Every structure is written in C-alpha cells, then in structure tokens.
Amino acid sequence: MGKMDEQIIVVGRSDLFGAGDSSLVFQGTERYEQSVATLKKRMSDHFLVMRRGDAEENPLYKQPIPYAVLKKGERYFTYKRLGGGGEERLYGKLSIGVGGHMNEVKGADDFQQVLAQNLDREINEELIVQNAETADMKTIGLINDDKSEVGKVHIGVLVVIVLPNDAQVDVREKDKLEGSWNTLDELRNPDVYDRMESWSGFAIDALSHV
C-alpha cells in the first residue's frame, strides 16, 4: 500500500469552520482560547476517515495535523532539512515543528487521546527524546493557510511540549536532519525566520504572544 492509500482523519471544511457571519475561518494562527476550543470540539464531533490521496485533492475537507514545538528552558528545538531525503523544495529549510497526518485510534477515549497518540508516533519517528517522562503538553492555537495549495487541505493543531531540563533530543536520520536549540529572539532574527517553513513561521508568531 502506497502512502496515498493510507487512511487518515479528516473533517469537512463546513463542519469545522461553519458558514456566514458565524464562520470561524481564519488565516495564519488562531490563538483565541474559546475559538480554539470550539474548533477542536468540531474536529472531535465531525471527523471521519478518508484515503489520503483523495483528501489531498479535495479542499472541501481539512486534514488535522498535530504540530508540536519542543521547548526546554527558554530554547526551542529547531531542525534543518539536509539533502539526504524528502522533498527537494524543502532542502535547507528550517522548522521548529514535528507532526504529521492522523490515523484513527481504535478504543481511544476522546479526540485528544487520538491526537496525543498520533503525535507521539510522529515525534518518535523523527526524533530520539530521552528523560521526558514529566513533559507537559499544551495546545496554544491552530494554524491555517488557505493561501497555499497544500495549506488548503490541512489544519494544524499547534502544541508546545515543555521538556524537563535534563531531557535530551536528537534527530534519528542525521543524513536528512540537523538539530539545534534556539531562543525565540534567535528564531525571530530575519536570517533565521525567513528560512522557516511556513507553518513554523506561524508557530513562531504564535509563541511571541504566549
């Protein structure tokens, strides 16, 4: 089975945002707590499973993507994409987020558990995280970018994971990724910020208001 045959979680755009004057559609980041809670509840109430290849071509549906930022002290884990794999258009780009498509979790108590289990899988696929048993996870906003073709069919659930000071993080595939820790001021430096993938730019903007 190819990756486009994977069964992933989606939610109808109209079910998610609503319509007319009551629409909760936004561009960039949504940080208002009540709106974030409402949109997450709509994901929980209306999500369904669809073949990924069909979802990628259908802007009537949004694919929820857990997008986690790892924080330790005042620094955020940042990684650079190298030339060893992945999409060529992303080579040299920087990112502070880890995440991916969500699969249905049989027996999950609620949507938050589905999100957490999918996020845990994605983090473990890309990173080696040690001494993080007491990490604290909090949703701080949502990311939506309807100005890009890719963004039209995705919505990010922006999560900050605060790690204990003795936690260790490293990338798994050192031929593809290079990791480092940076402060928010360093991430906002134009020489760094301008190299960020679009969702990471949105995440940095959101973190600046936390």
N, C-alpha and C. Protein backbone atom coordinates (compact mmCIF):
# COMPACT_ATOMS: atom_id res chain seq x y z
N MET A 1 0.85 -1.20 0.00
CA MET A 1 0.00 0.00 0.00
C MET A 1 0.88 1.24 0.00
N GLY A 2 0.67 2.13 -0.96
CA GLY A 2 1.42 3.38 -1.02
C GLY A 2 0.92 4.37 0.01
N LYS A 3 1.72 5.43 0.26
CA LYS A 3 1.34 6.39 1.30
C LYS A 3 0.04 7.10 0.98
N MET A 4 -0.30 7.23 -0.31
CA MET A 4 -1.54 7.89 -0.68
C MET A 4 -2.77 7.01 -0.46
N ASP A 5 -2.55 5.71 -0.17
CA ASP A 5 -3.66 4.82 0.16
C ASP A 5 -3.90 4.74 1.66
N GLU A 6 -3.07 5.42 2.44
CA GLU A 6 -3.23 5.45 3.90
C GLU A 6 -4.58 6.05 4.26
N GLN A 7 -5.22 5.47 5.26
CA GLN A 7 -6.50 6.00 5.76
C GLN A 7 -6.22 7.02 6.86
N ILE A 8 -6.61 8.27 6.63
CA ILE A 8 -6.29 9.34 7.56
C ILE A 8 -7.55 10.04 8.05
N ILE A 9 -7.40 10.79 9.13
CA ILE A 9 -8.51 11.54 9.71
C ILE A 9 -8.68 12.87 8.98
N VAL A 10 -9.93 13.18 8.62
CA VAL A 10 -10.27 14.46 8.01
C VAL A 10 -11.54 14.99 8.67
N VAL A 11 -11.82 16.26 8.41
CA VAL A 11 -13.08 16.86 8.86
C VAL A 11 -13.56 17.78 7.75
N GLY A 12 -14.87 17.75 7.48
CA GLY A 12 -15.43 18.61 6.46
C GLY A 12 -15.17 20.08 6.77
N ARG A 13 -14.78 20.83 5.77
CA ARG A 13 -14.47 22.25 5.98
C ARG A 13 -15.67 23.01 6.57
N SER A 14 -16.84 22.75 6.05
CA SER A 14 -18.02 23.46 6.56
C SER A 14 -18.37 23.01 7.97
N ASP A 15 -18.15 21.72 8.28
CA ASP A 15 -18.38 21.24 9.64
C ASP A 15 -17.40 21.88 10.62
N LEU A 16 -16.19 22.14 10.15
CA LEU A 16 -15.16 22.71 11.01
C LEU A 16 -15.36 24.20 11.25
N PHE A 17 -15.46 24.96 10.17
CA PHE A 17 -15.49 26.41 10.29
C PHE A 17 -16.88 27.01 10.41
N GLY A 18 -17.90 26.29 9.93
CA GLY A 18 -19.22 26.89 9.86
C GLY A 18 -19.31 27.79 8.64
N ALA A 19 -20.35 28.60 8.59
CA ALA A 19 -20.56 29.45 7.41
C ALA A 19 -21.18 30.78 7.82
N GLY A 20 -21.16 31.72 6.87
CA GLY A 20 -21.79 33.02 7.10
C GLY A 20 -21.13 33.83 8.19
N ASP A 21 -21.93 34.63 8.89
CA ASP A 21 -21.39 35.53 9.92
C ASP A 21 -20.79 34.78 11.10
N SER A 22 -21.21 33.53 11.29
CA SER A 22 -20.71 32.76 12.43
C SER A 22 -19.48 31.92 12.08
N SER A 23 -18.95 32.10 10.86
CA SER A 23 -17.80 31.32 10.44
C SER A 23 -16.58 31.61 11.31
N LEU A 24 -15.85 30.56 11.65
CA LEU A 24 -14.63 30.70 12.45
C LEU A 24 -13.38 30.54 11.59
N VAL A 25 -13.52 30.71 10.28
CA VAL A 25 -12.36 30.59 9.40
C VAL A 25 -11.34 31.69 9.72
N PHE A 26 -10.07 31.38 9.58
CA PHE A 26 -9.01 32.34 9.87
C PHE A 26 -7.82 32.04 8.96
N GLN A 27 -6.93 33.00 8.85
CA GLN A 27 -5.70 32.82 8.07
C GLN A 27 -4.51 33.04 9.00
N GLY A 28 -3.57 32.09 8.99
CA GLY A 28 -2.41 32.20 9.86
C GLY A 28 -2.63 31.40 11.14
N THR A 29 -2.66 32.08 12.28
CA THR A 29 -2.87 31.38 13.55
C THR A 29 -4.13 31.88 14.25
N GLU A 30 -4.79 30.98 14.94
CA GLU A 30 -5.92 31.32 15.81
C GLU A 30 -5.48 31.01 17.24
N ARG A 31 -5.41 32.05 18.07
CA ARG A 31 -4.95 31.87 19.45
C ARG A 31 -6.03 32.12 20.47
N TYR A 32 -7.18 32.67 20.05
CA TYR A 32 -8.25 32.97 21.00
C TYR A 32 -8.78 31.66 21.58
N GLU A 33 -8.68 31.54 22.90
CA GLU A 33 -8.92 30.26 23.57
C GLU A 33 -10.29 29.67 23.26
N GLN A 34 -11.32 30.50 23.26
CA GLN A 34 -12.67 29.99 23.03
C GLN A 34 -12.83 29.46 21.60
N SER A 35 -12.26 30.18 20.62
CA SER A 35 -12.34 29.73 19.23
C SER A 35 -11.57 28.43 19.03
N VAL A 36 -10.39 28.34 19.65
CA VAL A 36 -9.59 27.12 19.54
C VAL A 36 -10.36 25.94 20.13
N ALA A 37 -10.98 26.14 21.29
CA ALA A 37 -11.74 25.06 21.93
C ALA A 37 -12.92 24.64 21.06
N THR A 38 -13.60 25.61 20.47
CA THR A 38 -14.76 25.30 19.62
C THR A 38 -14.33 24.51 18.38
N LEU A 39 -13.24 24.94 17.74
CA LEU A 39 -12.76 24.27 16.54
C LEU A 39 -12.27 22.85 16.86
N LYS A 40 -11.61 22.68 17.99
CA LYS A 40 -11.16 21.34 18.37
C LYS A 40 -12.35 20.43 18.67
N LYS A 41 -13.39 20.98 19.28
CA LYS A 41 -14.59 20.17 19.55
C LYS A 41 -15.26 19.76 18.24
N ARG A 42 -15.28 20.67 17.26
CA ARG A 42 -15.87 20.32 15.97
C ARG A 42 -15.06 19.23 15.27
N MET A 43 -13.74 19.27 15.41
CA MET A 43 -12.92 18.18 14.88
C MET A 43 -13.33 16.87 15.53
N SER A 44 -13.49 16.90 16.86
CA SER A 44 -13.85 15.71 17.62
C SER A 44 -15.22 15.18 17.21
N ASP A 45 -16.16 16.09 17.00
CA ASP A 45 -17.54 15.69 16.71
C ASP A 45 -17.74 15.22 15.28
N HIS A 46 -16.94 15.72 14.34
CA HIS A 46 -17.25 15.52 12.93
C HIS A 46 -16.17 14.78 12.13
N PHE A 47 -15.09 14.34 12.78
CA PHE A 47 -14.02 13.74 11.99
C PHE A 47 -14.46 12.40 11.39
N LEU A 48 -13.89 12.09 10.25
CA LEU A 48 -14.11 10.82 9.59
C LEU A 48 -12.81 10.37 8.95
N VAL A 49 -12.82 9.17 8.38
CA VAL A 49 -11.61 8.59 7.81
C VAL A 49 -11.72 8.59 6.29
N MET A 50 -10.63 8.98 5.62
CA MET A 50 -10.62 9.07 4.16
C MET A 50 -9.26 8.64 3.63
N ARG A 51 -9.25 8.11 2.42
CA ARG A 51 -8.00 7.78 1.76
C ARG A 51 -7.19 9.06 1.57
N ARG A 52 -5.91 9.02 1.93
CA ARG A 52 -5.09 10.23 1.89
C ARG A 52 -5.04 10.85 0.49
N GLY A 53 -4.88 10.03 -0.53
CA GLY A 53 -4.79 10.55 -1.89
C GLY A 53 -6.03 11.34 -2.28
N ASP A 54 -7.20 10.90 -1.81
CA ASP A 54 -8.44 11.62 -2.10
C ASP A 54 -8.52 12.93 -1.29
N ALA A 55 -8.08 12.86 -0.04
CA ALA A 55 -8.13 14.05 0.82
C ALA A 55 -7.20 15.15 0.32
N GLU A 56 -6.04 14.76 -0.20
CA GLU A 56 -5.06 15.75 -0.66
C GLU A 56 -5.57 16.56 -1.84
N GLU A 57 -6.56 16.02 -2.55
CA GLU A 57 -7.08 16.69 -3.74
C GLU A 57 -8.44 17.35 -3.51
N ASN A 58 -8.92 17.34 -2.27
CA ASN A 58 -10.29 17.80 -2.01
C ASN A 58 -10.32 18.88 -0.94
N PRO A 59 -10.37 20.16 -1.35
CA PRO A 59 -10.37 21.26 -0.37
C PRO A 59 -11.68 21.40 0.42
N LEU A 60 -12.65 20.52 0.15
CA LEU A 60 -13.86 20.51 0.97
C LEU A 60 -13.59 19.85 2.33
N TYR A 61 -12.40 19.26 2.46
CA TYR A 61 -12.03 18.60 3.71
C TYR A 61 -10.69 19.15 4.20
N LYS A 62 -10.57 19.21 5.52
CA LYS A 62 -9.32 19.60 6.16
C LYS A 62 -8.74 18.39 6.88
N GLN A 63 -7.42 18.21 6.78
CA GLN A 63 -6.72 17.14 7.48
C GLN A 63 -6.08 17.72 8.73
N PRO A 64 -6.58 17.36 9.92
CA PRO A 64 -5.94 17.87 11.15
C PRO A 64 -4.54 17.29 11.31
N ILE A 65 -3.57 18.17 11.57
CA ILE A 65 -2.18 17.78 11.73
C ILE A 65 -1.69 18.25 13.09
N PRO A 66 -1.39 17.34 14.03
CA PRO A 66 -0.75 17.80 15.27
C PRO A 66 0.64 18.32 14.96
N TYR A 67 0.96 19.51 15.43
CA TYR A 67 2.22 20.18 15.10
C TYR A 67 2.86 20.63 16.40
N ALA A 68 3.88 19.89 16.84
CA ALA A 68 4.44 20.10 18.18
C ALA A 68 5.76 20.85 18.14
N VAL A 69 5.89 21.79 19.05
CA VAL A 69 7.13 22.53 19.28
C VAL A 69 7.70 22.07 20.61
N LEU A 70 8.96 21.68 20.62
CA LEU A 70 9.62 21.21 21.84
C LEU A 70 10.40 22.35 22.48
N LYS A 71 10.11 22.60 23.76
CA LYS A 71 10.73 23.70 24.48
C LYS A 71 11.45 23.17 25.71
N LYS A 72 12.67 23.67 25.93
CA LYS A 72 13.43 23.32 27.13
C LYS A 72 14.05 24.60 27.66
N GLY A 73 13.63 25.01 28.85
CA GLY A 73 14.07 26.31 29.36
C GLY A 73 13.51 27.40 28.46
N GLU A 74 14.38 28.24 27.93
CA GLU A 74 13.94 29.31 27.03
C GLU A 74 14.31 29.02 25.57
N ARG A 75 14.64 27.77 25.28
CA ARG A 75 15.06 27.41 23.92
C ARG A 75 14.10 26.42 23.28
N TYR A 76 14.02 26.50 21.97
CA TYR A 76 13.13 25.64 21.19
C TYR A 76 13.95 24.77 20.24
N PHE A 77 13.55 23.49 20.15
CA PHE A 77 14.27 22.59 19.25
C PHE A 77 13.98 22.97 17.81
N THR A 78 15.04 23.13 17.04
CA THR A 78 14.96 23.56 15.65
C THR A 78 15.72 22.56 14.79
N TYR A 79 15.17 22.22 13.63
CA TYR A 79 15.94 21.34 12.77
C TYR A 79 15.99 21.86 11.34
N LYS A 80 17.12 21.57 10.70
CA LYS A 80 17.33 21.95 9.31
C LYS A 80 17.26 20.72 8.44
N ARG A 81 16.58 20.85 7.31
CA ARG A 81 16.48 19.73 6.37
C ARG A 81 17.72 19.70 5.48
N LEU A 82 18.37 18.55 5.46
CA LEU A 82 19.56 18.36 4.64
C LEU A 82 19.19 17.70 3.31
N GLY A 83 20.17 17.40 2.51
CA GLY A 83 19.90 16.86 1.17
C GLY A 83 19.78 15.36 1.10
N GLY A 84 19.60 14.68 2.24
CA GLY A 84 19.61 13.23 2.23
C GLY A 84 18.28 12.56 1.98
N GLY A 85 17.22 13.32 1.82
CA GLY A 85 15.92 12.71 1.61
C GLY A 85 14.82 13.73 1.69
N GLY A 86 13.59 13.28 1.42
CA GLY A 86 12.44 14.17 1.49
C GLY A 86 12.27 14.98 0.23
N GLU A 87 11.45 16.03 0.33
CA GLU A 87 11.14 16.83 -0.84
C GLU A 87 12.24 17.85 -1.11
N GLU A 88 12.64 17.94 -2.37
CA GLU A 88 13.75 18.82 -2.75
C GLU A 88 13.47 20.27 -2.42
N ARG A 89 12.19 20.68 -2.52
CA ARG A 89 11.84 22.09 -2.28
C ARG A 89 12.07 22.49 -0.82
N LEU A 90 12.24 21.51 0.07
CA LEU A 90 12.42 21.80 1.49
C LEU A 90 13.88 21.78 1.91
N TYR A 91 14.80 21.44 1.02
CA TYR A 91 16.22 21.37 1.37
C TYR A 91 16.70 22.72 1.91
N GLY A 92 17.40 22.70 3.04
CA GLY A 92 17.92 23.91 3.63
C GLY A 92 16.92 24.67 4.46
N LYS A 93 15.65 24.27 4.41
CA LYS A 93 14.62 24.95 5.19
C LYS A 93 14.76 24.59 6.67
N LEU A 94 14.29 25.49 7.52
CA LEU A 94 14.29 25.28 8.96
C LEU A 94 12.87 25.02 9.45
N SER A 95 12.76 24.29 10.54
CA SER A 95 11.45 24.01 11.13
C SER A 95 11.59 23.89 12.63
N ILE A 96 10.55 24.29 13.35
CA ILE A 96 10.50 24.07 14.79
C ILE A 96 9.37 23.12 15.15
N GLY A 97 8.66 22.62 14.16
CA GLY A 97 7.50 21.77 14.42
C GLY A 97 7.70 20.34 13.96
N VAL A 98 7.15 19.41 14.73
CA VAL A 98 7.14 17.99 14.38
C VAL A 98 5.69 17.53 14.36
N GLY A 99 5.30 16.84 13.30
CA GLY A 99 3.92 16.36 13.24
C GLY A 99 3.64 15.68 11.94
N GLY A 100 2.40 15.22 11.78
CA GLY A 100 2.03 14.54 10.56
C GLY A 100 0.56 14.17 10.56
N HIS A 101 0.16 13.43 9.52
CA HIS A 101 -1.24 13.04 9.39
C HIS A 101 -1.66 12.14 10.55
N MET A 102 -2.95 12.17 10.83
CA MET A 102 -3.50 11.39 11.92
C MET A 102 -4.24 10.17 11.40
N ASN A 103 -4.05 9.05 12.10
CA ASN A 103 -4.79 7.83 11.82
C ASN A 103 -5.79 7.58 12.94
N GLU A 104 -6.84 6.86 12.63
CA GLU A 104 -7.84 6.52 13.64
C GLU A 104 -7.19 5.64 14.70
N VAL A 105 -7.55 5.86 15.97
CA VAL A 105 -7.04 5.07 17.08
C VAL A 105 -8.21 4.30 17.70
N LYS A 106 -8.24 3.01 17.46
CA LYS A 106 -9.33 2.18 17.99
C LYS A 106 -9.29 2.17 19.52
N GLY A 107 -10.45 2.38 20.12
CA GLY A 107 -10.56 2.33 21.57
C GLY A 107 -10.16 3.60 22.29
N ALA A 108 -9.83 4.65 21.54
CA ALA A 108 -9.45 5.92 22.18
C ALA A 108 -10.65 6.51 22.92
N ASP A 109 -10.38 7.13 24.07
CA ASP A 109 -11.45 7.69 24.88
C ASP A 109 -12.03 8.96 24.26
N ASP A 110 -11.17 9.76 23.61
CA ASP A 110 -11.64 11.02 23.04
C ASP A 110 -10.66 11.48 21.96
N PHE A 111 -10.99 12.60 21.32
CA PHE A 111 -10.18 13.11 20.22
C PHE A 111 -8.80 13.54 20.71
N GLN A 112 -8.73 14.06 21.93
CA GLN A 112 -7.43 14.49 22.48
C GLN A 112 -6.48 13.30 22.59
N GLN A 113 -7.01 12.14 22.96
CA GLN A 113 -6.17 10.94 23.04
C GLN A 113 -5.72 10.50 21.65
N VAL A 114 -6.61 10.62 20.67
CA VAL A 114 -6.25 10.31 19.28
C VAL A 114 -5.11 11.22 18.83
N LEU A 115 -5.24 12.51 19.12
CA LEU A 115 -4.21 13.47 18.74
C LEU A 115 -2.89 13.16 19.43
N ALA A 116 -2.96 12.89 20.74
CA ALA A 116 -1.73 12.64 21.52
C ALA A 116 -1.01 11.39 21.03
N GLN A 117 -1.75 10.33 20.73
CA GLN A 117 -1.10 9.09 20.29
C GLN A 117 -0.49 9.25 18.91
N ASN A 118 -1.17 9.96 18.02
CA ASN A 118 -0.60 10.22 16.70
C ASN A 118 0.64 11.10 16.80
N LEU A 119 0.58 12.10 17.67
CA LEU A 119 1.73 12.98 17.84
C LEU A 119 2.91 12.24 18.42
N ASP A 120 2.66 11.37 19.38
CA ASP A 120 3.74 10.58 19.98
C ASP A 120 4.42 9.72 18.91
N ARG A 121 3.63 9.14 18.02
CA ARG A 121 4.20 8.32 16.94
C ARG A 121 5.07 9.16 16.03
N GLU A 122 4.57 10.34 15.64
CA GLU A 122 5.32 11.20 14.73
C GLU A 122 6.64 11.67 15.34
N ILE A 123 6.60 12.05 16.61
CA ILE A 123 7.83 12.50 17.28
C ILE A 123 8.85 11.37 17.33
N ASN A 124 8.40 10.17 17.65
CA ASN A 124 9.32 9.04 17.77
C ASN A 124 9.86 8.59 16.42
N GLU A 125 9.15 8.89 15.34
CA GLU A 125 9.65 8.56 14.01
C GLU A 125 10.80 9.47 13.60
N GLU A 126 10.75 10.74 14.04
CA GLU A 126 11.76 11.71 13.60
C GLU A 126 12.84 11.98 14.64
N LEU A 127 12.50 11.85 15.93
CA LEU A 127 13.41 12.26 16.99
C LEU A 127 13.64 11.16 18.01
N ILE A 128 14.76 11.27 18.70
CA ILE A 128 15.03 10.45 19.88
C ILE A 128 14.92 11.37 21.09
N VAL A 129 13.92 11.14 21.92
CA VAL A 129 13.68 12.00 23.09
C VAL A 129 13.85 11.16 24.34
N GLN A 130 14.75 11.60 25.23
CA GLN A 130 15.03 10.86 26.46
C GLN A 130 14.79 11.74 27.68
N ASN A 131 14.47 11.10 28.79
CA ASN A 131 14.24 11.79 30.08
C ASN A 131 13.12 12.82 29.98
N ALA A 132 12.05 12.45 29.27
CA ALA A 132 10.94 13.39 29.06
C ALA A 132 9.63 12.92 29.68
N GLU A 133 9.74 12.05 30.67
CA GLU A 133 8.53 11.47 31.27
C GLU A 133 7.65 12.53 31.92
N THR A 134 8.23 13.61 32.40
CA THR A 134 7.44 14.64 33.08
C THR A 134 7.12 15.83 32.16
N ALA A 135 7.26 15.64 30.87
CA ALA A 135 6.98 16.73 29.93
C ALA A 135 5.52 17.15 30.02
N ASP A 136 5.29 18.43 29.80
CA ASP A 136 3.93 18.99 29.84
C ASP A 136 3.52 19.42 28.44
N MET A 137 2.33 18.99 27.98
CA MET A 137 1.86 19.29 26.64
C MET A 137 0.64 20.20 26.69
N LYS A 138 0.66 21.28 25.89
CA LYS A 138 -0.46 22.21 25.89
C LYS A 138 -0.72 22.72 24.47
N THR A 139 -1.99 22.72 24.07
CA THR A 139 -2.38 23.31 22.79
C THR A 139 -2.46 24.82 22.95
N ILE A 140 -1.72 25.56 22.11
CA ILE A 140 -1.73 27.03 22.24
C ILE A 140 -2.41 27.71 21.06
N GLY A 141 -2.84 26.95 20.06
CA GLY A 141 -3.50 27.58 18.93
C GLY A 141 -3.68 26.62 17.77
N LEU A 142 -4.16 27.17 16.67
CA LEU A 142 -4.35 26.41 15.44
C LEU A 142 -3.67 27.16 14.30
N ILE A 143 -3.29 26.42 13.26
CA ILE A 143 -2.64 27.01 12.09
C ILE A 143 -3.47 26.69 10.85
N ASN A 144 -3.75 27.72 10.05
CA ASN A 144 -4.49 27.52 8.80
C ASN A 144 -3.90 28.44 7.73
N ASP A 145 -3.61 27.87 6.57
CA ASP A 145 -3.00 28.65 5.49
C ASP A 145 -3.73 28.34 4.18
N ASP A 146 -4.83 29.02 3.95
CA ASP A 146 -5.62 28.80 2.74
C ASP A 146 -5.01 29.49 1.52
N LYS A 147 -3.88 30.17 1.70
CA LYS A 147 -3.25 30.84 0.57
C LYS A 147 -2.32 29.91 -0.22
N SER A 148 -2.05 28.73 0.33
CA SER A 148 -1.20 27.77 -0.38
C SER A 148 -2.03 26.54 -0.74
N GLU A 149 -1.65 25.87 -1.82
CA GLU A 149 -2.38 24.69 -2.26
C GLU A 149 -2.32 23.59 -1.21
N VAL A 150 -1.15 23.41 -0.59
CA VAL A 150 -1.02 22.39 0.45
C VAL A 150 -1.84 22.79 1.68
N GLY A 151 -1.75 24.06 2.04
CA GLY A 151 -2.44 24.54 3.23
C GLY A 151 -3.95 24.46 3.15
N LYS A 152 -4.50 24.51 1.95
CA LYS A 152 -5.95 24.48 1.77
C LYS A 152 -6.59 23.20 2.29
N VAL A 153 -5.81 22.13 2.37
CA VAL A 153 -6.39 20.85 2.77
C VAL A 153 -5.88 20.38 4.14
N HIS A 154 -5.19 21.26 4.87
CA HIS A 154 -4.67 20.90 6.19
C HIS A 154 -5.02 21.96 7.22
N ILE A 155 -5.10 21.56 8.47
CA ILE A 155 -5.19 22.50 9.59
C ILE A 155 -4.31 21.97 10.71
N GLY A 156 -3.46 22.83 11.25
CA GLY A 156 -2.51 22.42 12.28
C GLY A 156 -3.03 22.66 13.68
N VAL A 157 -2.83 21.69 14.54
CA VAL A 157 -3.11 21.85 15.97
C VAL A 157 -1.75 22.12 16.64
N LEU A 158 -1.52 23.38 17.01
CA LEU A 158 -0.22 23.81 17.49
C LEU A 158 -0.06 23.49 18.98
N VAL A 159 0.90 22.63 19.27
CA VAL A 159 1.13 22.14 20.62
C VAL A 159 2.55 22.50 21.07
N VAL A 160 2.68 22.96 22.30
CA VAL A 160 4.00 23.16 22.90
C VAL A 160 4.23 22.06 23.93
N ILE A 161 5.36 21.37 23.80
CA ILE A 161 5.74 20.35 24.77
C ILE A 161 6.92 20.89 25.57
N VAL A 162 6.67 21.16 26.84
CA VAL A 162 7.72 21.70 27.71
C VAL A 162 8.46 20.54 28.35
N LEU A 163 9.75 20.43 28.03
CA LEU A 163 10.57 19.31 28.50
C LEU A 163 11.31 19.68 29.79
N PRO A 164 11.57 18.70 30.63
CA PRO A 164 12.43 18.97 31.81
C PRO A 164 13.84 19.32 31.36
N ASN A 165 14.58 19.98 32.24
CA ASN A 165 15.91 20.48 31.88
C ASN A 165 16.91 19.38 31.52
N ASP A 166 16.69 18.16 32.05
CA ASP A 166 17.63 17.08 31.75
C ASP A 166 17.21 16.24 30.54
N ALA A 167 16.16 16.64 29.85
CA ALA A 167 15.72 15.91 28.66
C ALA A 167 16.75 16.05 27.54
N GLN A 168 16.86 15.03 26.73
CA GLN A 168 17.78 15.03 25.60
C GLN A 168 16.99 14.76 24.32
N VAL A 169 17.29 15.54 23.27
CA VAL A 169 16.60 15.39 22.00
C VAL A 169 17.62 15.32 20.88
N ASP A 170 17.44 14.37 19.98
CA ASP A 170 18.32 14.27 18.83
C ASP A 170 17.51 13.78 17.64
N VAL A 171 17.98 14.07 16.44
CA VAL A 171 17.29 13.60 15.24
C VAL A 171 17.69 12.15 14.98
N ARG A 172 16.78 11.38 14.39
CA ARG A 172 17.08 9.98 14.08
C ARG A 172 17.92 9.86 12.81
N GLU A 173 17.52 10.58 11.77
CA GLU A 173 18.17 10.42 10.48
C GLU A 173 19.11 11.60 10.24
N LYS A 174 20.36 11.43 10.67
CA LYS A 174 21.31 12.54 10.64
C LYS A 174 21.74 12.92 9.22
N ASP A 175 21.44 12.05 8.24
CA ASP A 175 21.73 12.41 6.86
C ASP A 175 20.63 13.29 6.27
N LYS A 176 19.49 13.39 6.99
CA LYS A 176 18.35 14.16 6.49
C LYS A 176 18.06 15.41 7.32
N LEU A 177 18.38 15.35 8.61
CA LEU A 177 18.03 16.45 9.51
C LEU A 177 19.21 16.80 10.41
N GLU A 178 19.28 18.06 10.81
CA GLU A 178 20.30 18.55 11.74
C GLU A 178 19.61 19.39 12.80
N GLY A 179 19.76 19.01 14.07
CA GLY A 179 19.03 19.67 15.15
C GLY A 179 19.86 20.68 15.92
N SER A 180 19.19 21.67 16.53
CA SER A 180 19.83 22.66 17.40
C SER A 180 18.77 23.26 18.31
N TRP A 181 19.21 24.01 19.31
CA TRP A 181 18.30 24.69 20.23
C TRP A 181 18.47 26.21 20.07
N ASN A 182 17.35 26.93 19.99
CA ASN A 182 17.41 28.38 19.77
C ASN A 182 16.37 29.10 20.62
N THR A 183 16.74 30.30 21.05
CA THR A 183 15.79 31.13 21.78
C THR A 183 14.79 31.74 20.80
N LEU A 184 13.71 32.28 21.33
CA LEU A 184 12.70 32.91 20.49
C LEU A 184 13.28 34.12 19.76
N ASP A 185 14.15 34.87 20.43
CA ASP A 185 14.79 36.02 19.77
C ASP A 185 15.63 35.56 18.59
N GLU A 186 16.34 34.45 18.76
CA GLU A 186 17.15 33.92 17.67
C GLU A 186 16.27 33.45 16.52
N LEU A 187 15.13 32.85 16.82
CA LEU A 187 14.22 32.37 15.78
C LEU A 187 13.57 33.52 15.03
N ARG A 188 13.41 34.66 15.73
CA ARG A 188 12.79 35.83 15.08
C ARG A 188 13.77 36.63 14.24
N ASN A 189 15.06 36.33 14.36
CA ASN A 189 16.06 37.00 13.53
C ASN A 189 15.74 36.75 12.06
N PRO A 190 15.65 37.80 11.23
CA PRO A 190 15.26 37.61 9.82
C PRO A 190 16.10 36.58 9.07
N ASP A 191 17.39 36.48 9.39
CA ASP A 191 18.23 35.49 8.71
C ASP A 191 17.78 34.07 9.00
N VAL A 192 17.13 33.87 10.15
CA VAL A 192 16.62 32.55 10.52
C VAL A 192 15.14 32.43 10.14
N TYR A 193 14.36 33.42 10.52
CA TYR A 193 12.90 33.39 10.30
C TYR A 193 12.56 33.21 8.82
N ASP A 194 13.29 33.88 7.95
CA ASP A 194 12.98 33.83 6.52
C ASP A 194 13.28 32.47 5.90
N ARG A 195 13.99 31.62 6.62
CA ARG A 195 14.28 30.26 6.12
C ARG A 195 13.31 29.23 6.70
N MET A 196 12.40 29.68 7.53
CA MET A 196 11.46 28.76 8.16
C MET A 196 10.40 28.28 7.17
N GLU A 197 10.01 27.00 7.32
CA GLU A 197 8.84 26.52 6.62
C GLU A 197 7.64 27.34 7.09
N SER A 198 6.61 27.43 6.24
CA SER A 198 5.51 28.37 6.51
C SER A 198 4.85 28.13 7.86
N TRP A 199 4.55 26.88 8.21
CA TRP A 199 3.88 26.63 9.48
C TRP A 199 4.77 26.98 10.66
N SER A 200 6.09 26.80 10.52
CA SER A 200 7.00 27.18 11.60
C SER A 200 7.01 28.69 11.80
N GLY A 201 6.91 29.43 10.70
CA GLY A 201 6.79 30.88 10.81
C GLY A 201 5.55 31.28 11.59
N PHE A 202 4.43 30.63 11.27
CA PHE A 202 3.19 30.89 12.00
C PHE A 202 3.36 30.52 13.48
N ALA A 203 4.04 29.40 13.75
CA ALA A 203 4.24 28.96 15.13
C ALA A 203 5.07 29.97 15.91
N ILE A 204 6.13 30.49 15.29
CA ILE A 204 6.96 31.50 15.95
C ILE A 204 6.14 32.74 16.26
N ASP A 205 5.30 33.14 15.32
CA ASP A 205 4.42 34.30 15.57
C ASP A 205 3.52 34.04 16.78
N ALA A 206 2.97 32.83 16.86
CA ALA A 206 2.08 32.49 17.98
C ALA A 206 2.85 32.45 19.30
N LEU A 207 4.04 31.90 19.29
CA LEU A 207 4.85 31.81 20.51
C LEU A 207 5.23 33.20 21.03
N SER A 208 5.32 34.16 20.12
CA SER A 208 5.66 35.52 20.52
C SER A 208 4.56 36.16 21.35
N HIS A 209 3.35 35.56 21.35
CA HIS A 209 2.23 36.13 22.09
C HIS A 209 1.82 35.28 23.29
N VAL A 210 2.58 34.20 23.53
CA VAL A 210 2.24 33.32 24.66
C VAL A 210 2.73 33.95 25.96
